[in-house]
């Protein structure tokens, strides 16, 4: 399998949505009392945080790529 680059934004999004899913499963099983007004903002905030992390990661990688091409052009 070919290696791919690490994408922390997708990891954060997966972890947050997984945690929200686990909370809903625990609520459905009667093990926890997770109100919707707690889970929805948690999921939305986690997705927003993942988007910010993804944009920062993209900007850092783009800057690094530009520096490499500038140094090879000299």
C-alpha atoms as a PDB file:
ATOM      1  CA  UNK A   1       0.000   0.000   0.000  1.00  0.00           C
ATOM      2  CA  UNK A   2       1.285   3.422  -0.925  1.00  0.00           C
ATOM      3  CA  UNK A   3       2.018   5.789   1.945  1.00  0.00           C
ATOM      4  CA  UNK A   4      -0.052   8.913   2.218  1.00  0.00           C
ATOM      5  CA  UNK A   5       0.546  12.147   4.055  1.00  0.00           C
ATOM      6  CA  UNK A   6      -0.792  12.596   7.559  1.00  0.00           C
ATOM      7  CA  UNK A   7      -3.914  14.777   7.706  1.00  0.00           C
ATOM      8  CA  UNK A   8      -4.575  15.873  11.296  1.00  0.00           C
ATOM      9  CA  UNK A   9      -7.832  17.680  10.438  1.00  0.00           C
ATOM     10  CA  UNK A  10      -9.438  14.453   9.276  1.00  0.00           C
ATOM     11  CA  UNK A  11      -8.200  12.661  12.377  1.00  0.00           C
ATOM     12  CA  UNK A  12      -9.759  15.275  14.657  1.00  0.00           C
ATOM     13  CA  UNK A  13     -13.038  15.201  12.723  1.00  0.00           C
ATOM     14  CA  UNK A  14     -13.183  11.415  12.980  1.00  0.00           C
ATOM     15  CA  UNK A  15     -12.431  11.393  16.694  1.00  0.00           C
ATOM     16  CA  UNK A  16     -15.021  14.063  17.494  1.00  0.00           C
ATOM     17  CA  UNK A  17     -17.773  12.452  15.406  1.00  0.00           C
ATOM     18  CA  UNK A  18     -16.864   9.061  16.853  1.00  0.00           C
ATOM     19  CA  UNK A  19     -17.177  10.456  20.373  1.00  0.00           C
ATOM     20  CA  UNK A  20     -20.562  11.980  19.508  1.00  0.00           C
ATOM     21  CA  UNK A  21     -21.679   8.616  18.137  1.00  0.00           C
ATOM     22  CA  UNK A  22     -20.539   6.828  21.280  1.00  0.00           C
ATOM     23  CA  UNK A  23     -22.455   9.330  23.411  1.00  0.00           C
ATOM     24  CA  UNK A  24     -25.609   8.670  21.402  1.00  0.00           C
ATOM     25  CA  UNK A  25     -25.092   4.911  21.669  1.00  0.00           C
ATOM     26  CA  UNK A  26     -24.640   5.160  25.440  1.00  0.00           C
ATOM     27  CA  UNK A  27     -27.758   7.317  25.637  1.00  0.00           C
ATOM     28  CA  UNK A  28     -29.754   4.807  23.589  1.00  0.00           C
ATOM     29  CA  UNK A  29     -28.571   1.966  25.830  1.00  0.00           C
ATOM     30  CA  UNK A  30     -29.583   3.906  28.941  1.00  0.00           C
ATOM     31  CA  UNK A  31     -26.038   4.121  30.281  1.00  0.00           C
ATOM     32  CA  UNK A  32     -25.685   7.892  29.927  1.00  0.00           C
ATOM     33  CA  UNK A  33     -27.968  10.888  29.664  1.00  0.00           C
ATOM     34  CA  UNK A  34     -26.612  12.935  26.750  1.00  0.00           C
ATOM     35  CA  UNK A  35     -28.947  15.803  25.812  1.00  0.00           C
ATOM     36  CA  UNK A  36     -29.018  16.844  22.179  1.00  0.00           C
ATOM     37  CA  UNK A  37     -28.009  20.404  23.070  1.00  0.00           C
ATOM     38  CA  UNK A  38     -24.703  19.029  24.365  1.00  0.00           C
ATOM     39  CA  UNK A  39     -23.868  16.656  21.526  1.00  0.00           C
ATOM     40  CA  UNK A  40     -24.739  18.907  18.572  1.00  0.00           C
ATOM     41  CA  UNK A  41     -22.519  21.841  19.624  1.00  0.00           C
ATOM     42  CA  UNK A  42     -19.736  19.384  20.465  1.00  0.00           C
ATOM     43  CA  UNK A  43     -19.922  17.920  16.966  1.00  0.00           C
ATOM     44  CA  UNK A  44     -20.170  21.339  15.297  1.00  0.00           C
ATOM     45  CA  UNK A  45     -17.307  22.757  17.347  1.00  0.00           C
ATOM     46  CA  UNK A  46     -15.164  19.707  16.632  1.00  0.00           C
ATOM     47  CA  UNK A  47     -15.797  19.995  12.904  1.00  0.00           C
ATOM     48  CA  UNK A  48     -14.955  23.705  12.999  1.00  0.00           C
ATOM     49  CA  UNK A  49     -11.729  22.953  14.887  1.00  0.00           C
ATOM     50  CA  UNK A  50     -10.878  20.215  12.380  1.00  0.00           C
ATOM     51  CA  UNK A  51     -11.417  22.684   9.528  1.00  0.00           C
ATOM     52  CA  UNK A  52      -9.057  25.207  11.121  1.00  0.00           C
ATOM     53  CA  UNK A  53      -6.421  22.521  11.680  1.00  0.00           C
ATOM     54  CA  UNK A  54      -6.810  21.376   8.075  1.00  0.00           C
ATOM     55  CA  UNK A  55      -6.362  24.919   6.748  1.00  0.00           C
ATOM     56  CA  UNK A  56      -3.265  25.485   8.901  1.00  0.00           C
ATOM     57  CA  UNK A  57      -1.809  22.164   7.764  1.00  0.00           C
ATOM     58  CA  UNK A  58      -2.444  23.082   4.124  1.00  0.00           C
ATOM     59  CA  UNK A  59      -0.833  26.511   4.557  1.00  0.00           C
ATOM     60  CA  UNK A  60       2.263  25.052   6.220  1.00  0.00           C
ATOM     61  CA  UNK A  61       2.691  22.405   3.534  1.00  0.00           C
ATOM     62  CA  UNK A  62       2.158  24.932   0.723  1.00  0.00           C
ATOM     63  CA  UNK A  63       4.756  27.275   2.240  1.00  0.00           C
ATOM     64  CA  UNK A  64       7.220  24.423   2.648  1.00  0.00           C
ATOM     65  CA  UNK A  65       6.661  23.347  -0.980  1.00  0.00           C
ATOM     66  CA  UNK A  66       7.240  26.912  -2.211  1.00  0.00           C
ATOM     67  CA  UNK A  67      10.469  27.206  -0.230  1.00  0.00           C
ATOM     68  CA  UNK A  68      11.763  23.973  -1.727  1.00  0.00           C
ATOM     69  CA  UNK A  69      10.983  25.062  -5.293  1.00  0.00           C
ATOM     70  CA  UNK A  70      12.567  28.492  -4.677  1.00  0.00           C
ATOM     71  CA  UNK A  71      15.772  26.958  -3.359  1.00  0.00           C
ATOM     72  CA  UNK A  72      15.993  24.530  -6.281  1.00  0.00           C
ATOM     73  CA  UNK A  73      15.513  27.350  -8.830  1.00  0.00           C
ATOM     74  CA  UNK A  74      18.644  29.162  -7.662  1.00  0.00           C
END
